[in-house]
Amino acid sequence: MSNLSSFFVIRHGDYSPRGELTSEGQRKMRDLGDKIKSIVEDSSVFILTSPEQRAVESSCVLADCLDCEIEETYELSEDNFEFYPETWKKIIKKYQDKSEALILVTHKPLISGTLPYSRFSKEFEGDRLEIRELEKAEGIYFDLSNKTYSKIK
């Protein structure tokens, strides 16, 4: 039985032309990590990330704030052209037993192009426009028990 109570979809932080997180990107991700920490409190956290450098570095900053493990997966890659709206639910089901809070760090095309249209997000109350307009180092927090979602930044 799953203990998963919260789920976050995070867009990676600002990055340089070489794909590395900038100092501003690191700062924003630390701030986001602190906000997530205030939401999850003492819950166990697991981060699943795209293998692209900017996403991995963003995940590392979050993991430092949240004292948790990270796993890379091609499923969240910007180059995954087989990512469909229902892939979100499959990922949650696959990783729901890892922790009480699951964080996915990925890219704008996957988030804005699929999440607003998934049956998963339609099960929650929230503003779909917030999902489509997600900026770097911002995320969507899904409260699984209250069936709501909101933007965090």
N, C-alpha and C. Protein backbone atom coordinates (compact mmCIF):
# COMPACT_ATOMS: atom_id res chain seq x y z
N MET A 1 0.84 -1.19 0.00
CA MET A 1 0.00 0.00 0.00
C MET A 1 0.88 1.24 0.00
N SER A 2 0.53 2.20 -0.81
CA SER A 2 1.33 3.41 -0.96
C SER A 2 1.12 4.39 0.19
N ASN A 3 2.20 5.01 0.60
CA ASN A 3 2.14 6.09 1.59
C ASN A 3 2.26 7.45 0.91
N LEU A 4 2.27 7.47 -0.42
CA LEU A 4 2.47 8.71 -1.16
C LEU A 4 1.34 9.70 -0.88
N SER A 5 1.71 10.86 -0.36
CA SER A 5 0.70 11.88 -0.02
C SER A 5 0.88 13.16 -0.82
N SER A 6 2.07 13.36 -1.38
CA SER A 6 2.29 14.56 -2.19
C SER A 6 3.19 14.24 -3.37
N PHE A 7 2.96 15.00 -4.41
CA PHE A 7 3.63 14.78 -5.69
C PHE A 7 3.95 16.15 -6.27
N PHE A 8 5.18 16.32 -6.72
CA PHE A 8 5.62 17.60 -7.27
C PHE A 8 6.16 17.39 -8.67
N VAL A 9 5.82 18.29 -9.57
CA VAL A 9 6.42 18.33 -10.90
C VAL A 9 7.17 19.65 -10.96
N ILE A 10 8.48 19.57 -11.13
CA ILE A 10 9.36 20.74 -11.06
C ILE A 10 10.05 20.94 -12.41
N ARG A 11 10.08 22.19 -12.85
CA ARG A 11 10.88 22.54 -14.03
C ARG A 11 12.27 22.92 -13.54
N HIS A 12 13.29 22.43 -14.21
CA HIS A 12 14.68 22.71 -13.83
C HIS A 12 14.96 24.21 -13.73
N GLY A 13 16.09 24.55 -13.11
CA GLY A 13 16.46 25.96 -12.93
C GLY A 13 17.14 26.56 -14.15
N ASP A 14 17.45 27.87 -14.06
CA ASP A 14 18.14 28.59 -15.14
C ASP A 14 19.51 27.95 -15.40
N TYR A 15 19.88 27.92 -16.67
CA TYR A 15 21.14 27.25 -17.02
C TYR A 15 21.90 28.05 -18.07
N SER A 16 23.20 27.76 -18.16
CA SER A 16 24.09 28.43 -19.10
C SER A 16 23.99 27.76 -20.47
N PRO A 17 24.60 28.35 -21.50
CA PRO A 17 24.59 27.72 -22.82
C PRO A 17 25.23 26.32 -22.82
N ARG A 18 26.10 26.05 -21.83
CA ARG A 18 26.73 24.72 -21.74
C ARG A 18 25.84 23.72 -21.00
N GLY A 19 24.68 24.17 -20.54
CA GLY A 19 23.75 23.27 -19.86
C GLY A 19 23.91 23.20 -18.36
N GLU A 20 24.85 23.97 -17.80
CA GLU A 20 25.07 23.96 -16.35
C GLU A 20 24.13 24.95 -15.68
N LEU A 21 23.74 24.63 -14.46
CA LEU A 21 22.90 25.54 -13.69
C LEU A 21 23.70 26.81 -13.40
N THR A 22 23.08 27.96 -13.58
CA THR A 22 23.73 29.23 -13.24
C THR A 22 23.63 29.44 -11.74
N SER A 23 24.36 30.43 -11.22
CA SER A 23 24.26 30.72 -9.78
C SER A 23 22.84 31.16 -9.43
N GLU A 24 22.19 31.90 -10.33
CA GLU A 24 20.80 32.29 -10.11
C GLU A 24 19.89 31.06 -10.12
N GLY A 25 20.15 30.14 -11.02
CA GLY A 25 19.39 28.89 -11.07
C GLY A 25 19.55 28.09 -9.79
N GLN A 26 20.76 28.04 -9.27
CA GLN A 26 21.01 27.34 -8.01
C GLN A 26 20.27 28.01 -6.86
N ARG A 27 20.30 29.32 -6.81
CA ARG A 27 19.63 30.05 -5.74
C ARG A 27 18.12 29.80 -5.77
N LYS A 28 17.54 29.89 -6.97
CA LYS A 28 16.10 29.67 -7.10
C LYS A 28 15.71 28.24 -6.72
N MET A 29 16.56 27.28 -7.08
CA MET A 29 16.27 25.89 -6.72
C MET A 29 16.39 25.69 -5.21
N ARG A 30 17.34 26.35 -4.57
CA ARG A 30 17.45 26.27 -3.09
C ARG A 30 16.18 26.85 -2.46
N ASP A 31 15.74 28.00 -2.96
CA ASP A 31 14.51 28.61 -2.44
C ASP A 31 13.32 27.67 -2.62
N LEU A 32 13.25 27.05 -3.79
CA LEU A 32 12.17 26.10 -4.06
C LEU A 32 12.27 24.89 -3.12
N GLY A 33 13.48 24.43 -2.90
CA GLY A 33 13.70 23.31 -1.97
C GLY A 33 13.22 23.65 -0.57
N ASP A 34 13.47 24.88 -0.12
CA ASP A 34 13.00 25.31 1.20
C ASP A 34 11.48 25.34 1.26
N LYS A 35 10.85 25.78 0.17
CA LYS A 35 9.37 25.80 0.13
C LYS A 35 8.81 24.38 0.16
N ILE A 36 9.44 23.50 -0.61
CA ILE A 36 8.99 22.11 -0.60
C ILE A 36 9.16 21.50 0.78
N LYS A 37 10.29 21.80 1.43
CA LYS A 37 10.55 21.29 2.78
C LYS A 37 9.45 21.74 3.75
N SER A 38 8.98 22.97 3.61
CA SER A 38 7.92 23.45 4.50
C SER A 38 6.59 22.73 4.23
N ILE A 39 6.42 22.22 3.02
CA ILE A 39 5.20 21.48 2.69
C ILE A 39 5.29 20.03 3.18
N VAL A 40 6.42 19.38 2.90
CA VAL A 40 6.53 17.95 3.23
C VAL A 40 6.96 17.70 4.67
N GLU A 41 7.52 18.73 5.29
CA GLU A 41 8.00 18.65 6.68
C GLU A 41 8.94 17.45 6.85
N ASP A 42 8.55 16.49 7.68
CA ASP A 42 9.43 15.34 7.96
C ASP A 42 9.13 14.12 7.11
N SER A 43 8.31 14.27 6.09
CA SER A 43 7.97 13.14 5.22
C SER A 43 9.20 12.68 4.44
N SER A 44 9.22 11.41 4.10
CA SER A 44 10.29 10.90 3.25
C SER A 44 10.07 11.44 1.83
N VAL A 45 11.18 11.72 1.14
CA VAL A 45 11.12 12.34 -0.20
C VAL A 45 12.01 11.54 -1.14
N PHE A 46 11.58 11.41 -2.37
CA PHE A 46 12.37 10.77 -3.42
C PHE A 46 12.27 11.65 -4.66
N ILE A 47 13.41 11.88 -5.32
CA ILE A 47 13.45 12.71 -6.53
C ILE A 47 13.77 11.84 -7.73
N LEU A 48 12.95 11.97 -8.74
CA LEU A 48 13.16 11.32 -10.02
C LEU A 48 13.45 12.44 -11.02
N THR A 49 14.53 12.31 -11.78
CA THR A 49 14.94 13.42 -12.65
C THR A 49 15.27 12.99 -14.07
N SER A 50 15.12 13.93 -14.96
CA SER A 50 15.60 13.79 -16.32
C SER A 50 17.13 13.67 -16.26
N PRO A 51 17.74 12.95 -17.19
CA PRO A 51 19.20 12.82 -17.17
C PRO A 51 19.95 14.04 -17.72
N GLU A 52 19.24 15.05 -18.26
CA GLU A 52 19.93 16.23 -18.76
C GLU A 52 20.61 16.97 -17.61
N GLN A 53 21.78 17.52 -17.87
CA GLN A 53 22.61 18.14 -16.84
C GLN A 53 21.86 19.18 -16.01
N ARG A 54 21.11 20.05 -16.65
CA ARG A 54 20.42 21.11 -15.91
C ARG A 54 19.38 20.54 -14.95
N ALA A 55 18.74 19.43 -15.34
CA ALA A 55 17.76 18.79 -14.46
C ALA A 55 18.46 18.05 -13.32
N VAL A 56 19.54 17.35 -13.63
CA VAL A 56 20.28 16.63 -12.59
C VAL A 56 20.84 17.61 -11.56
N GLU A 57 21.44 18.71 -12.03
CA GLU A 57 21.98 19.71 -11.09
C GLU A 57 20.87 20.35 -10.27
N SER A 58 19.73 20.60 -10.88
CA SER A 58 18.59 21.14 -10.13
C SER A 58 18.15 20.14 -9.06
N SER A 59 18.12 18.87 -9.42
CA SER A 59 17.73 17.81 -8.48
C SER A 59 18.72 17.70 -7.33
N CYS A 60 19.99 17.87 -7.62
CA CYS A 60 21.02 17.81 -6.57
C CYS A 60 20.82 18.93 -5.55
N VAL A 61 20.49 20.11 -6.02
CA VAL A 61 20.23 21.23 -5.11
C VAL A 61 19.02 20.91 -4.23
N LEU A 62 17.96 20.41 -4.84
CA LEU A 62 16.77 20.04 -4.08
C LEU A 62 17.08 18.93 -3.07
N ALA A 63 17.85 17.93 -3.50
CA ALA A 63 18.19 16.81 -2.62
C ALA A 63 18.98 17.27 -1.41
N ASP A 64 19.87 18.26 -1.60
CA ASP A 64 20.61 18.82 -0.47
C ASP A 64 19.67 19.46 0.53
N CYS A 65 18.67 20.17 0.04
CA CYS A 65 17.69 20.82 0.92
C CYS A 65 16.81 19.81 1.63
N LEU A 66 16.49 18.72 0.94
CA LEU A 66 15.49 17.77 1.44
C LEU A 66 16.08 16.49 1.99
N ASP A 67 17.41 16.34 1.89
CA ASP A 67 18.10 15.16 2.39
C ASP A 67 17.46 13.88 1.86
N CYS A 68 17.51 13.74 0.54
CA CYS A 68 16.85 12.58 -0.07
C CYS A 68 17.67 12.04 -1.24
N GLU A 69 17.23 10.92 -1.76
CA GLU A 69 17.88 10.26 -2.89
C GLU A 69 17.34 10.78 -4.22
N ILE A 70 18.17 10.60 -5.25
CA ILE A 70 17.81 10.98 -6.62
C ILE A 70 18.01 9.77 -7.52
N GLU A 71 17.13 9.65 -8.49
CA GLU A 71 17.30 8.63 -9.53
C GLU A 71 17.04 9.29 -10.87
N GLU A 72 17.91 9.02 -11.84
CA GLU A 72 17.72 9.54 -13.19
C GLU A 72 16.90 8.56 -14.01
N THR A 73 16.04 9.10 -14.88
CA THR A 73 15.27 8.25 -15.78
C THR A 73 15.04 8.95 -17.12
N TYR A 74 15.20 8.19 -18.17
CA TYR A 74 14.95 8.72 -19.51
C TYR A 74 13.48 9.10 -19.69
N GLU A 75 12.60 8.50 -18.89
CA GLU A 75 11.17 8.81 -18.99
C GLU A 75 10.90 10.30 -18.89
N LEU A 76 11.74 11.03 -18.14
CA LEU A 76 11.55 12.48 -17.95
C LEU A 76 12.44 13.32 -18.84
N SER A 77 13.13 12.69 -19.77
CA SER A 77 14.05 13.39 -20.67
C SER A 77 13.29 14.28 -21.65
N GLU A 78 13.93 15.39 -21.96
CA GLU A 78 13.38 16.31 -22.96
C GLU A 78 13.28 15.62 -24.33
N ASP A 79 14.09 14.61 -24.54
CA ASP A 79 14.12 13.89 -25.82
C ASP A 79 13.17 12.69 -25.86
N ASN A 80 12.38 12.51 -24.83
CA ASN A 80 11.45 11.38 -24.80
C ASN A 80 10.19 11.74 -25.57
N PHE A 81 10.17 11.37 -26.82
CA PHE A 81 9.04 11.71 -27.68
C PHE A 81 7.88 10.73 -27.53
N GLU A 82 8.04 9.76 -26.63
CA GLU A 82 6.96 8.82 -26.35
C GLU A 82 6.29 9.15 -25.02
N PHE A 83 6.44 10.37 -24.57
CA PHE A 83 5.82 10.81 -23.32
C PHE A 83 4.43 11.35 -23.64
N TYR A 84 3.44 10.71 -23.10
CA TYR A 84 2.05 11.07 -23.36
C TYR A 84 1.39 11.56 -22.08
N PRO A 85 0.24 12.20 -22.18
CA PRO A 85 -0.44 12.67 -20.97
C PRO A 85 -0.60 11.60 -19.89
N GLU A 86 -0.84 10.36 -20.27
CA GLU A 86 -1.05 9.31 -19.25
C GLU A 86 0.25 8.77 -18.67
N THR A 87 1.39 9.19 -19.20
CA THR A 87 2.68 8.75 -18.66
C THR A 87 2.85 9.22 -17.22
N TRP A 88 2.26 10.38 -16.87
CA TRP A 88 2.39 10.88 -15.49
C TRP A 88 1.86 9.86 -14.50
N LYS A 89 0.68 9.32 -14.77
CA LYS A 89 0.07 8.36 -13.86
C LYS A 89 0.91 7.08 -13.78
N LYS A 90 1.46 6.65 -14.90
CA LYS A 90 2.31 5.45 -14.91
C LYS A 90 3.55 5.65 -14.04
N ILE A 91 4.16 6.83 -14.12
CA ILE A 91 5.35 7.12 -13.32
C ILE A 91 4.99 7.12 -11.84
N ILE A 92 3.89 7.76 -11.50
CA ILE A 92 3.48 7.80 -10.09
C ILE A 92 3.25 6.38 -9.57
N LYS A 93 2.56 5.58 -10.34
CA LYS A 93 2.29 4.20 -9.91
C LYS A 93 3.59 3.43 -9.73
N LYS A 94 4.52 3.62 -10.64
CA LYS A 94 5.80 2.90 -10.60
C LYS A 94 6.64 3.27 -9.38
N TYR A 95 6.57 4.53 -8.95
CA TYR A 95 7.45 5.02 -7.87
C TYR A 95 6.71 5.36 -6.57
N GLN A 96 5.43 5.07 -6.48
CA GLN A 96 4.64 5.50 -5.33
C GLN A 96 5.09 4.89 -4.00
N ASP A 97 5.78 3.78 -4.03
CA ASP A 97 6.20 3.14 -2.78
C ASP A 97 7.60 3.58 -2.33
N LYS A 98 8.23 4.47 -3.07
CA LYS A 98 9.58 4.94 -2.73
C LYS A 98 9.59 5.90 -1.55
N SER A 99 8.50 6.67 -1.37
CA SER A 99 8.51 7.72 -0.33
C SER A 99 7.10 8.25 -0.11
N GLU A 100 6.99 9.19 0.81
CA GLU A 100 5.71 9.86 1.06
C GLU A 100 5.52 11.05 0.12
N ALA A 101 6.63 11.60 -0.38
CA ALA A 101 6.59 12.71 -1.34
C ALA A 101 7.47 12.36 -2.53
N LEU A 102 6.93 12.49 -3.71
CA LEU A 102 7.66 12.19 -4.94
C LEU A 102 7.83 13.48 -5.73
N ILE A 103 9.07 13.75 -6.13
CA ILE A 103 9.38 14.96 -6.91
C ILE A 103 9.93 14.54 -8.26
N LEU A 104 9.33 15.07 -9.32
CA LEU A 104 9.82 14.82 -10.68
C LEU A 104 10.41 16.12 -11.21
N VAL A 105 11.66 16.08 -11.66
CA VAL A 105 12.32 17.26 -12.22
C VAL A 105 12.50 17.01 -13.71
N THR A 106 11.91 17.91 -14.50
CA THR A 106 11.89 17.68 -15.94
C THR A 106 11.88 19.01 -16.70
N HIS A 107 11.32 19.01 -17.89
CA HIS A 107 11.43 20.12 -18.83
C HIS A 107 10.06 20.64 -19.25
N LYS A 108 10.05 21.89 -19.70
CA LYS A 108 8.80 22.55 -20.07
C LYS A 108 7.98 21.78 -21.11
N PRO A 109 8.59 21.25 -22.19
CA PRO A 109 7.75 20.56 -23.18
C PRO A 109 6.96 19.39 -22.59
N LEU A 110 7.58 18.63 -21.69
CA LEU A 110 6.87 17.51 -21.08
C LEU A 110 5.78 18.00 -20.14
N ILE A 111 6.07 19.07 -19.40
CA ILE A 111 5.10 19.59 -18.43
C ILE A 111 3.93 20.27 -19.15
N SER A 112 4.23 21.31 -19.90
CA SER A 112 3.14 22.10 -20.50
C SER A 112 2.47 21.38 -21.66
N GLY A 113 3.18 20.45 -22.29
CA GLY A 113 2.61 19.76 -23.44
C GLY A 113 1.78 18.54 -23.10
N THR A 114 1.90 18.02 -21.86
CA THR A 114 1.17 16.80 -21.54
C THR A 114 0.39 16.87 -20.23
N LEU A 115 0.94 17.48 -19.20
CA LEU A 115 0.31 17.43 -17.87
C LEU A 115 -1.08 18.06 -17.83
N PRO A 116 -1.31 19.23 -18.45
CA PRO A 116 -2.67 19.80 -18.37
C PRO A 116 -3.74 18.93 -19.03
N TYR A 117 -3.32 18.02 -19.90
CA TYR A 117 -4.26 17.22 -20.66
C TYR A 117 -4.41 15.80 -20.12
N SER A 118 -3.68 15.47 -19.08
CA SER A 118 -3.72 14.12 -18.54
C SER A 118 -4.95 13.91 -17.68
N ARG A 119 -5.43 12.68 -17.67
CA ARG A 119 -6.53 12.34 -16.78
C ARG A 119 -6.11 12.53 -15.33
N PHE A 120 -4.82 12.30 -15.06
CA PHE A 120 -4.32 12.47 -13.70
C PHE A 120 -4.58 13.89 -13.19
N SER A 121 -4.15 14.91 -13.92
CA SER A 121 -4.32 16.29 -13.45
C SER A 121 -5.78 16.70 -13.42
N LYS A 122 -6.59 16.10 -14.27
CA LYS A 122 -8.02 16.45 -14.29
C LYS A 122 -8.77 15.90 -13.08
N GLU A 123 -8.12 15.01 -12.32
CA GLU A 123 -8.72 14.48 -11.09
C GLU A 123 -8.57 15.48 -9.94
N PHE A 124 -7.82 16.56 -10.16
CA PHE A 124 -7.51 17.53 -9.12
C PHE A 124 -8.15 18.88 -9.43
N GLU A 125 -8.39 19.65 -8.38
CA GLU A 125 -8.88 21.01 -8.57
C GLU A 125 -7.69 21.95 -8.62
N GLY A 126 -7.68 22.81 -9.63
CA GLY A 126 -6.60 23.78 -9.79
C GLY A 126 -6.72 24.49 -11.12
N ASP A 127 -5.86 25.46 -11.33
CA ASP A 127 -5.88 26.27 -12.55
C ASP A 127 -4.94 25.65 -13.59
N ARG A 128 -5.48 25.09 -14.65
CA ARG A 128 -4.66 24.44 -15.68
C ARG A 128 -3.68 25.41 -16.33
N LEU A 129 -4.02 26.68 -16.36
CA LEU A 129 -3.13 27.69 -16.93
C LEU A 129 -1.81 27.75 -16.14
N GLU A 130 -1.88 27.52 -14.83
CA GLU A 130 -0.65 27.52 -14.02
C GLU A 130 0.32 26.45 -14.50
N ILE A 131 -0.18 25.33 -14.93
CA ILE A 131 0.68 24.25 -15.42
C ILE A 131 1.34 24.67 -16.73
N ARG A 132 0.57 25.21 -17.63
CA ARG A 132 1.10 25.57 -18.96
C ARG A 132 2.10 26.71 -18.90
N GLU A 133 2.01 27.56 -17.88
CA GLU A 133 2.89 28.73 -17.81
C GLU A 133 4.00 28.58 -16.78
N LEU A 134 4.41 27.38 -16.51
CA LEU A 134 5.46 27.12 -15.53
C LEU A 134 6.81 27.65 -16.02
N GLU A 135 7.45 28.48 -15.21
CA GLU A 135 8.76 29.03 -15.54
C GLU A 135 9.85 28.14 -14.93
N LYS A 136 11.10 28.44 -15.26
CA LYS A 136 12.22 27.70 -14.69
C LYS A 136 12.21 27.86 -13.17
N ALA A 137 12.57 26.78 -12.47
CA ALA A 137 12.64 26.74 -11.00
C ALA A 137 11.27 26.98 -10.36
N GLU A 138 10.23 26.56 -11.06
CA GLU A 138 8.88 26.58 -10.50
C GLU A 138 8.32 25.16 -10.58
N GLY A 139 7.26 24.93 -9.84
CA GLY A 139 6.69 23.60 -9.85
C GLY A 139 5.21 23.61 -9.56
N ILE A 140 4.64 22.43 -9.68
CA ILE A 140 3.25 22.21 -9.32
C ILE A 140 3.23 21.20 -8.18
N TYR A 141 2.54 21.56 -7.12
CA TYR A 141 2.38 20.69 -5.96
C TYR A 141 1.01 20.05 -6.00
N PHE A 142 0.97 18.73 -6.05
CA PHE A 142 -0.27 17.98 -6.02
C PHE A 142 -0.44 17.41 -4.62
N ASP A 143 -1.51 17.82 -3.96
CA ASP A 143 -1.86 17.28 -2.64
C ASP A 143 -2.80 16.09 -2.92
N LEU A 144 -2.28 14.89 -2.76
CA LEU A 144 -3.03 13.70 -3.15
C LEU A 144 -4.23 13.43 -2.24
N SER A 145 -4.16 13.84 -0.98
CA SER A 145 -5.29 13.58 -0.09
C SER A 145 -6.44 14.56 -0.30
N ASN A 146 -6.13 15.81 -0.62
CA ASN A 146 -7.18 16.82 -0.84
C ASN A 146 -7.58 16.98 -2.31
N LYS A 147 -6.85 16.28 -3.20
CA LYS A 147 -7.13 16.34 -4.64
C LYS A 147 -7.10 17.76 -5.18
N THR A 148 -6.07 18.52 -4.76
CA THR A 148 -5.86 19.87 -5.26
C THR A 148 -4.43 20.01 -5.76
N TYR A 149 -4.20 21.01 -6.59
CA TYR A 149 -2.83 21.34 -6.96
C TYR A 149 -2.67 22.84 -7.02
N SER A 150 -1.41 23.27 -6.86
CA SER A 150 -1.10 24.70 -6.91
C SER A 150 0.35 24.89 -7.33
N LYS A 151 0.61 26.07 -7.85
CA LYS A 151 1.97 26.41 -8.29
C LYS A 151 2.81 26.77 -7.07
N ILE A 152 4.07 26.36 -7.08
CA ILE A 152 5.03 26.79 -6.08
C ILE A 152 6.22 27.39 -6.80
N LYS A 153 6.74 28.47 -6.22
CA LYS A 153 7.91 29.13 -6.81
C LYS A 153 8.70 29.84 -5.76
